[in-house]
Amino acid sequence: MEETIIFSEYALRRMSQRGITKEQVCYCITHHSSEEEYCPANGEIVFPTVLPDGRNIKVRVRDGNKKTIYVIDAFSFNKERGE
């Protein structure tokens, strides 16, 4: 099943500021680690992953109907410092 990924305006703005591309976000969604974080209170999921270039990023999404993934934010993190 092919999923549709929709980027919020906020996510696109923050990705641009942080040097994160749509391709990197898509990679994160499809190759994330098993350490994903789920927040049932607001229905959001955070996918952490290490990109092929070694950069750690997290992508925060809302998964509405299992066919559409709505990207809310994307950011780098420091795995060693637990950020």
PDB file of N, CA and C in Angstrom:
ATOM      1  N   MET A   1       0.840  -1.181   0.000  1.00  0.00           N
ATOM      2  CA  MET A   1       0.000   0.000   0.000  1.00  0.00           C
ATOM      3  C   MET A   1       0.886   1.246   0.000  1.00  0.00           C
ATOM      4  N   GLU A   2       0.655   2.132  -0.901  1.00  0.00           N
ATOM      5  CA  GLU A   2       1.398   3.383  -1.011  1.00  0.00           C
ATOM      6  C   GLU A   2       0.742   4.446  -0.137  1.00  0.00           C
ATOM      7  N   GLU A   3       1.565   5.110   0.676  1.00  0.00           N
ATOM      8  CA  GLU A   3       1.059   6.150   1.553  1.00  0.00           C
ATOM      9  C   GLU A   3       1.319   7.516   0.930  1.00  0.00           C
ATOM     10  N   THR A   4       0.429   8.447   1.198  1.00  0.00           N
ATOM     11  CA  THR A   4       0.600   9.819   0.757  1.00  0.00           C
ATOM     12  C   THR A   4       1.165  10.611   1.928  1.00  0.00           C
ATOM     13  N   ILE A   5       2.192  11.391   1.661  1.00  0.00           N
ATOM     14  CA  ILE A   5       2.806  12.211   2.694  1.00  0.00           C
ATOM     15  C   ILE A   5       2.481  13.669   2.409  1.00  0.00           C
ATOM     16  N   ILE A   6       1.857  14.323   3.369  1.00  0.00           N
ATOM     17  CA  ILE A   6       1.487  15.731   3.253  1.00  0.00           C
ATOM     18  C   ILE A   6       2.305  16.516   4.274  1.00  0.00           C
ATOM     19  N   PHE A   7       2.900  17.616   3.846  1.00  0.00           N
ATOM     20  CA  PHE A   7       3.723  18.448   4.713  1.00  0.00           C
ATOM     21  C   PHE A   7       2.954  19.699   5.112  1.00  0.00           C
ATOM     22  N   SER A   8       2.891  19.970   6.418  1.00  0.00           N
ATOM     23  CA  SER A   8       2.264  21.205   6.877  1.00  0.00           C
ATOM     24  C   SER A   8       3.157  22.383   6.496  1.00  0.00           C
ATOM     25  N   GLU A   9       2.578  23.572   6.417  1.00  0.00           N
ATOM     26  CA  GLU A   9       3.360  24.769   6.127  1.00  0.00           C
ATOM     27  C   GLU A   9       4.429  24.969   7.204  1.00  0.00           C
ATOM     28  N   TYR A  10       4.063  24.712   8.455  1.00  0.00           N
ATOM     29  CA  TYR A  10       5.020  24.839   9.554  1.00  0.00           C
ATOM     30  C   TYR A  10       6.202  23.888   9.347  1.00  0.00           C
ATOM     31  N   ALA A  11       5.902  22.632   9.011  1.00  0.00           N
ATOM     32  CA  ALA A  11       6.970  21.651   8.798  1.00  0.00           C
ATOM     33  C   ALA A  11       7.898  22.094   7.669  1.00  0.00           C
ATOM     34  N   LEU A  12       7.333  22.552   6.566  1.00  0.00           N
ATOM     35  CA  LEU A  12       8.158  22.989   5.436  1.00  0.00           C
ATOM     36  C   LEU A  12       9.047  24.163   5.813  1.00  0.00           C
ATOM     37  N   ARG A  13       8.515  25.113   6.574  1.00  0.00           N
ATOM     38  CA  ARG A  13       9.294  26.267   7.004  1.00  0.00           C
ATOM     39  C   ARG A  13      10.439  25.838   7.929  1.00  0.00           C
ATOM     40  N   ARG A  14      10.130  24.982   8.904  1.00  0.00           N
ATOM     41  CA  ARG A  14      11.146  24.537   9.852  1.00  0.00           C
ATOM     42  C   ARG A  14      12.188  23.644   9.164  1.00  0.00           C
ATOM     43  N   MET A  15      11.755  22.808   8.235  1.00  0.00           N
ATOM     44  CA  MET A  15      12.690  21.964   7.485  1.00  0.00           C
ATOM     45  C   MET A  15      13.678  22.839   6.720  1.00  0.00           C
ATOM     46  N   SER A  16      13.171  23.899   6.096  1.00  0.00           N
ATOM     47  CA  SER A  16      14.030  24.809   5.349  1.00  0.00           C
ATOM     48  C   SER A  16      15.049  25.465   6.274  1.00  0.00           C
ATOM     49  N   GLN A  17      14.606  25.904   7.437  1.00  0.00           N
ATOM     50  CA  GLN A  17      15.504  26.536   8.408  1.00  0.00           C
ATOM     51  C   GLN A  17      16.555  25.562   8.924  1.00  0.00           C
ATOM     52  N   ARG A  18      16.203  24.302   9.018  1.00  0.00           N
ATOM     53  CA  ARG A  18      17.081  23.293   9.611  1.00  0.00           C
ATOM     54  C   ARG A  18      17.872  22.490   8.592  1.00  0.00           C
ATOM     55  N   GLY A  19      17.684  22.782   7.304  1.00  0.00           N
ATOM     56  CA  GLY A  19      18.423  22.075   6.262  1.00  0.00           C
ATOM     57  C   GLY A  19      17.990  20.628   6.100  1.00  0.00           C
ATOM     58  N   ILE A  20      16.702  20.358   6.282  1.00  0.00           N
ATOM     59  CA  ILE A  20      16.162  19.001   6.132  1.00  0.00           C
ATOM     60  C   ILE A  20      15.286  18.981   4.882  1.00  0.00           C
ATOM     61  N   THR A  21      15.510  18.002   4.010  1.00  0.00           N
ATOM     62  CA  THR A  21      14.765  17.920   2.756  1.00  0.00           C
ATOM     63  C   THR A  21      13.559  16.983   2.876  1.00  0.00           C
ATOM     64  N   LYS A  22      12.660  17.106   1.911  1.00  0.00           N
ATOM     65  CA  LYS A  22      11.510  16.189   1.850  1.00  0.00           C
ATOM     66  C   LYS A  22      11.987  14.750   1.688  1.00  0.00           C
ATOM     67  N   GLU A  23      13.026  14.563   0.904  1.00  0.00           N
ATOM     68  CA  GLU A  23      13.561  13.221   0.692  1.00  0.00           C
ATOM     69  C   GLU A  23      14.066  12.620   2.000  1.00  0.00           C
ATOM     70  N   GLN A  24      14.721  13.433   2.826  1.00  0.00           N
ATOM     71  CA  GLN A  24      15.208  12.954   4.109  1.00  0.00           C
ATOM     72  C   GLN A  24      14.055  12.589   5.042  1.00  0.00           C
ATOM     73  N   VAL A  25      12.997  13.383   5.012  1.00  0.00           N
ATOM     74  CA  VAL A  25      11.811  13.084   5.828  1.00  0.00           C
ATOM     75  C   VAL A  25      11.181  11.770   5.369  1.00  0.00           C
ATOM     76  N   CYS A  26      11.048  11.587   4.061  1.00  0.00           N
ATOM     77  CA  CYS A  26      10.479  10.340   3.532  1.00  0.00           C
ATOM     78  C   CYS A  26      11.353   9.151   3.922  1.00  0.00           C
ATOM     79  N   TYR A  27      12.672   9.333   3.869  1.00  0.00           N
ATOM     80  CA  TYR A  27      13.590   8.271   4.293  1.00  0.00           C
ATOM     81  C   TYR A  27      13.347   7.934   5.760  1.00  0.00           C
ATOM     82  N   CYS A  28      13.208   8.950   6.579  1.00  0.00           N
ATOM     83  CA  CYS A  28      12.972   8.750   8.006  1.00  0.00           C
ATOM     84  C   CYS A  28      11.681   7.970   8.248  1.00  0.00           C
ATOM     85  N   ILE A  29      10.640   8.306   7.534  1.00  0.00           N
ATOM     86  CA  ILE A  29       9.349   7.633   7.721  1.00  0.00           C
ATOM     87  C   ILE A  29       9.432   6.166   7.324  1.00  0.00           C
ATOM     88  N   THR A  30      10.187   5.867   6.279  1.00  0.00           N
ATOM     89  CA  THR A  30      10.253   4.481   5.809  1.00  0.00           C
ATOM     90  C   THR A  30      11.373   3.664   6.451  1.00  0.00           C
ATOM     91  N   HIS A  31      12.361   4.331   7.061  1.00  0.00           N
ATOM     92  CA  HIS A  31      13.510   3.622   7.649  1.00  0.00           C
ATOM     93  C   HIS A  31      13.726   3.939   9.122  1.00  0.00           C
ATOM     94  N   HIS A  32      12.709   4.375   9.812  1.00  0.00           N
ATOM     95  CA  HIS A  32      12.880   4.792  11.204  1.00  0.00           C
ATOM     96  C   HIS A  32      13.259   3.613  12.094  1.00  0.00           C
ATOM     97  N   SER A  33      13.851   3.948  13.237  1.00  0.00           N
ATOM     98  CA  SER A  33      14.231   2.907  14.192  1.00  0.00           C
ATOM     99  C   SER A  33      12.997   2.418  14.927  1.00  0.00           C
ATOM    100  N   SER A  34      13.148   1.346  15.643  1.00  0.00           N
ATOM    101  CA  SER A  34      12.016   0.787  16.388  1.00  0.00           C
ATOM    102  C   SER A  34      11.734   1.576  17.665  1.00  0.00           C
ATOM    103  N   GLU A  35      12.477   2.653  17.879  1.00  0.00           N
ATOM    104  CA  GLU A  35      12.304   3.479  19.066  1.00  0.00           C
ATOM    105  C   GLU A  35      11.266   4.571  18.863  1.00  0.00           C
ATOM    106  N   GLU A  36      10.338   4.388  17.918  1.00  0.00           N
ATOM    107  CA  GLU A  36       9.361   5.440  17.667  1.00  0.00           C
ATOM    108  C   GLU A  36       8.603   5.779  18.946  1.00  0.00           C
ATOM    109  N   GLU A  37       8.194   7.020  19.025  1.00  0.00           N
ATOM    110  CA  GLU A  37       7.493   7.511  20.195  1.00  0.00           C
ATOM    111  C   GLU A  37       6.047   7.813  19.802  1.00  0.00           C
ATOM    112  N   TYR A  38       5.109   7.316  20.581  1.00  0.00           N
ATOM    113  CA  TYR A  38       3.705   7.545  20.285  1.00  0.00           C
ATOM    114  C   TYR A  38       3.062   8.303  21.428  1.00  0.00           C
ATOM    115  N   CYS A  39       2.321   9.343  21.111  1.00  0.00           N
ATOM    116  CA  CYS A  39       1.623  10.120  22.128  1.00  0.00           C
ATOM    117  C   CYS A  39       0.120   9.972  21.898  1.00  0.00           C
ATOM    118  N   PRO A  40      -0.539   9.078  22.621  1.00  0.00           N
ATOM    119  CA  PRO A  40      -1.955   8.843  22.391  1.00  0.00           C
ATOM    120  C   PRO A  40      -2.840  10.046  22.706  1.00  0.00           C
ATOM    121  N   ALA A  41      -2.361  10.965  23.544  1.00  0.00           N
ATOM    122  CA  ALA A  41      -3.169  12.135  23.899  1.00  0.00           C
ATOM    123  C   ALA A  41      -3.483  12.998  22.681  1.00  0.00           C
ATOM    124  N   ASN A  42      -2.531  13.126  21.770  1.00  0.00           N
ATOM    125  CA  ASN A  42      -2.782  13.948  20.582  1.00  0.00           C
ATOM    126  C   ASN A  42      -2.650  13.160  19.284  1.00  0.00           C
ATOM    127  N   GLY A  43      -2.419  11.859  19.367  1.00  0.00           N
ATOM    128  CA  GLY A  43      -2.365  11.013  18.179  1.00  0.00           C
ATOM    129  C   GLY A  43      -1.149  11.234  17.299  1.00  0.00           C
ATOM    130  N   GLU A  44      -0.073  11.759  17.865  1.00  0.00           N
ATOM    131  CA  GLU A  44       1.128  12.020  17.084  1.00  0.00           C
ATOM    132  C   GLU A  44       2.161  10.924  17.302  1.00  0.00           C
ATOM    133  N   ILE A  45       2.966  10.703  16.278  1.00  0.00           N
ATOM    134  CA  ILE A  45       4.051   9.727  16.329  1.00  0.00           C
ATOM    135  C   ILE A  45       5.338  10.455  15.961  1.00  0.00           C
ATOM    136  N   VAL A  46       6.417  10.168  16.680  1.00  0.00           N
ATOM    137  CA  VAL A  46       7.725  10.737  16.363  1.00  0.00           C
ATOM    138  C   VAL A  46       8.632   9.591  15.918  1.00  0.00           C
ATOM    139  N   PHE A  47       9.141   9.701  14.697  1.00  0.00           N
ATOM    140  CA  PHE A  47      10.027   8.697  14.132  1.00  0.00           C
ATOM    141  C   PHE A  47      11.469   9.187  14.199  1.00  0.00           C
ATOM    142  N   PRO A  48      12.336   8.543  14.975  1.00  0.00           N
ATOM    143  CA  PRO A  48      13.758   8.881  14.948  1.00  0.00           C
ATOM    144  C   PRO A  48      14.487   7.991  13.936  1.00  0.00           C
ATOM    145  N   THR A  49      15.493   8.536  13.286  1.00  0.00           N
ATOM    146  CA  THR A  49      16.302   7.719  12.386  1.00  0.00           C
ATOM    147  C   THR A  49      17.681   8.350  12.204  1.00  0.00           C
ATOM    148  N   VAL A  50      18.593   7.551  11.702  1.00  0.00           N
ATOM    149  CA  VAL A  50      19.910   8.037  11.313  1.00  0.00           C
ATOM    150  C   VAL A  50      19.931   8.018   9.787  1.00  0.00           C
ATOM    151  N   LEU A  51      20.178   9.169   9.193  1.00  0.00           N
ATOM    152  CA  LEU A  51      20.243   9.268   7.738  1.00  0.00           C
ATOM    153  C   LEU A  51      21.531   8.626   7.231  1.00  0.00           C
ATOM    154  N   PRO A  52      21.589   8.278   5.944  1.00  0.00           N
ATOM    155  CA  PRO A  52      22.803   7.672   5.387  1.00  0.00           C
ATOM    156  C   PRO A  52      24.068   8.512   5.611  1.00  0.00           C
ATOM    157  N   ASP A  53      23.906   9.846   5.746  1.00  0.00           N
ATOM    158  CA  ASP A  53      25.080  10.701   5.976  1.00  0.00           C
ATOM    159  C   ASP A  53      25.469  10.775   7.458  1.00  0.00           C
ATOM    160  N   GLY A  54      24.743  10.041   8.320  1.00  0.00           N
ATOM    161  CA  GLY A  54      25.061   9.994   9.741  1.00  0.00           C
ATOM    162  C   GLY A  54      24.290  10.978  10.599  1.00  0.00           C
ATOM    163  N   ARG A  55      23.537  11.858   9.988  1.00  0.00           N
ATOM    164  CA  ARG A  55      22.760  12.851  10.735  1.00  0.00           C
ATOM    165  C   ARG A  55      21.546  12.182  11.379  1.00  0.00           C
ATOM    166  N   ASN A  56      21.286  12.521  12.645  1.00  0.00           N
ATOM    167  CA  ASN A  56      20.110  12.018  13.348  1.00  0.00           C
ATOM    168  C   ASN A  56      18.968  13.011  13.185  1.00  0.00           C
ATOM    169  N   ILE A  57      17.825  12.540  12.718  1.00  0.00           N
ATOM    170  CA  ILE A  57      16.655  13.411  12.656  1.00  0.00           C
ATOM    171  C   ILE A  57      15.448  12.694  13.242  1.00  0.00           C
ATOM    172  N   LYS A  58      14.482  13.502  13.648  1.00  0.00           N
ATOM    173  CA  LYS A  58      13.181  12.997  14.086  1.00  0.00           C
ATOM    174  C   LYS A  58      12.117  13.693  13.263  1.00  0.00           C
ATOM    175  N   VAL A  59      11.088  12.946  12.919  1.00  0.00           N
ATOM    176  CA  VAL A  59       9.968  13.489  12.171  1.00  0.00           C
ATOM    177  C   VAL A  59       8.710  13.246  12.992  1.00  0.00           C
ATOM    178  N   ARG A  60       7.973  14.334  13.242  1.00  0.00           N
ATOM    179  CA  ARG A  60       6.727  14.235  14.012  1.00  0.00           C
ATOM    180  C   ARG A  60       5.568  14.244  13.026  1.00  0.00           C
ATOM    181  N   VAL A  61       4.713  13.220  13.119  1.00  0.00           N
ATOM    182  CA  VAL A  61       3.613  13.069  12.163  1.00  0.00           C
ATOM    183  C   VAL A  61       2.294  12.810  12.888  1.00  0.00           C
ATOM    184  N   ARG A  62       1.229  13.043  12.148  1.00  0.00           N
ATOM    185  CA  ARG A  62      -0.101  12.628  12.564  1.00  0.00           C
ATOM    186  C   ARG A  62      -0.578  11.668  11.484  1.00  0.00           C
ATOM    187  N   ASP A  63      -0.938  10.489  11.881  1.00  0.00           N
ATOM    188  CA  ASP A  63      -1.333   9.423  10.953  1.00  0.00           C
ATOM    189  C   ASP A  63      -2.843   9.280  11.024  1.00  0.00           C
ATOM    190  N   GLY A  64      -3.525   9.987  10.129  1.00  0.00           N
ATOM    191  CA  GLY A  64      -4.976  10.035  10.191  1.00  0.00           C
ATOM    192  C   GLY A  64      -5.694   8.773   9.795  1.00  0.00           C
ATOM    193  N   ASN A  65      -5.477   8.300   8.590  1.00  0.00           N
ATOM    194  CA  ASN A  65      -6.279   7.173   8.107  1.00  0.00           C
ATOM    195  C   ASN A  65      -5.445   6.033   7.548  1.00  0.00           C
ATOM    196  N   LYS A  66      -4.185   5.956   7.924  1.00  0.00           N
ATOM    197  CA  LYS A  66      -3.255   4.903   7.499  1.00  0.00           C
ATOM    198  C   LYS A  66      -2.875   4.984   6.025  1.00  0.00           C
ATOM    199  N   LYS A  67      -3.500   5.845   5.246  1.00  0.00           N
ATOM    200  CA  LYS A  67      -3.111   6.027   3.851  1.00  0.00           C
ATOM    201  C   LYS A  67      -2.445   7.387   3.660  1.00  0.00           C
ATOM    202  N   THR A  68      -2.659   8.284   4.621  1.00  0.00           N
ATOM    203  CA  THR A  68      -2.089   9.619   4.557  1.00  0.00           C
ATOM    204  C   THR A  68      -1.290   9.890   5.822  1.00  0.00           C
ATOM    205  N   ILE A  69      -0.072  10.339   5.646  1.00  0.00           N
ATOM    206  CA  ILE A  69       0.769  10.736   6.767  1.00  0.00           C
ATOM    207  C   ILE A  69       0.936  12.247   6.682  1.00  0.00           C
ATOM    208  N   TYR A  70       0.608  12.937   7.763  1.00  0.00           N
ATOM    209  CA  TYR A  70       0.673  14.387   7.823  1.00  0.00           C
ATOM    210  C   TYR A  70       1.898  14.785   8.641  1.00  0.00           C
ATOM    211  N   VAL A  71       2.912  15.360   7.981  1.00  0.00           N
ATOM    212  CA  VAL A  71       4.152  15.746   8.658  1.00  0.00           C
ATOM    213  C   VAL A  71       3.941  17.092   9.348  1.00  0.00           C
ATOM    214  N   ILE A  72       4.183  17.092  10.660  1.00  0.00           N
ATOM    215  CA  ILE A  72       3.989  18.290  11.474  1.00  0.00           C
ATOM    216  C   ILE A  72       5.303  19.025  11.691  1.00  0.00           C
ATOM    217  N   ASP A  73       6.411  18.269  11.848  1.00  0.00           N
ATOM    218  CA  ASP A  73       7.698  18.886  12.140  1.00  0.00           C
ATOM    219  C   ASP A  73       8.820  17.894  11.837  1.00  0.00           C
ATOM    220  N   ALA A  74      10.019  18.410  11.643  1.00  0.00           N
ATOM    221  CA  ALA A  74      11.221  17.590  11.450  1.00  0.00           C
ATOM    222  C   ALA A  74      12.392  18.349  12.044  1.00  0.00           C
ATOM    223  N   PHE A  75      13.240  17.636  12.770  1.00  0.00           N
ATOM    224  CA  PHE A  75      14.347  18.306  13.441  1.00  0.00           C
ATOM    225  C   PHE A  75      15.491  17.341  13.691  1.00  0.00           C
ATOM    226  N   SER A  76      16.688  17.909  13.828  1.00  0.00           N
ATOM    227  CA  SER A  76      17.878  17.127  14.165  1.00  0.00           C
ATOM    228  C   SER A  76      17.899  16.883  15.662  1.00  0.00           C
ATOM    229  N   PHE A  77      18.585  15.828  16.069  1.00  0.00           N
ATOM    230  CA  PHE A  77      18.754  15.589  17.494  1.00  0.00           C
ATOM    231  C   PHE A  77      20.117  14.943  17.735  1.00  0.00           C
ATOM    232  N   ASN A  78      20.575  15.051  18.957  1.00  0.00           N
ATOM    233  CA  ASN A  78      21.862  14.483  19.348  1.00  0.00           C
ATOM    234  C   ASN A  78      21.593  13.227  20.153  1.00  0.00           C
ATOM    235  N   LYS A  79      21.817  12.078  19.549  1.00  0.00           N
ATOM    236  CA  LYS A  79      21.515  10.796  20.168  1.00  0.00           C
ATOM    237  C   LYS A  79      22.326  10.567  21.446  1.00  0.00           C
ATOM    238  N   GLU A  80      23.585  10.995  21.448  1.00  0.00           N
ATOM    239  CA  GLU A  80      24.434  10.784  22.622  1.00  0.00           C
ATOM    240  C   GLU A  80      23.954  11.575  23.825  1.00  0.00           C
ATOM    241  N   ARG A  81      23.382  12.745  23.586  1.00  0.00           N
ATOM    242  CA  ARG A  81      22.930  13.585  24.689  1.00  0.00           C
ATOM    243  C   ARG A  81      21.478  13.339  25.051  1.00  0.00           C
ATOM    244  N   GLY A  82      20.799  12.433  24.318  1.00  0.00           N
ATOM    245  CA  GLY A  82      19.410  12.110  24.608  1.00  0.00           C
ATOM    246  C   GLY A  82      18.431  13.201  24.262  1.00  0.00           C
ATOM    247  N   GLU A  83      18.782  14.037  23.308  1.00  0.00           N
ATOM    248  CA  GLU A  83      17.901  15.142  22.891  1.00  0.00           C
ATOM    249  C   GLU A  83      16.875  14.665  21.898  1.00  0.00           C
TER     250      GLU A  83
END
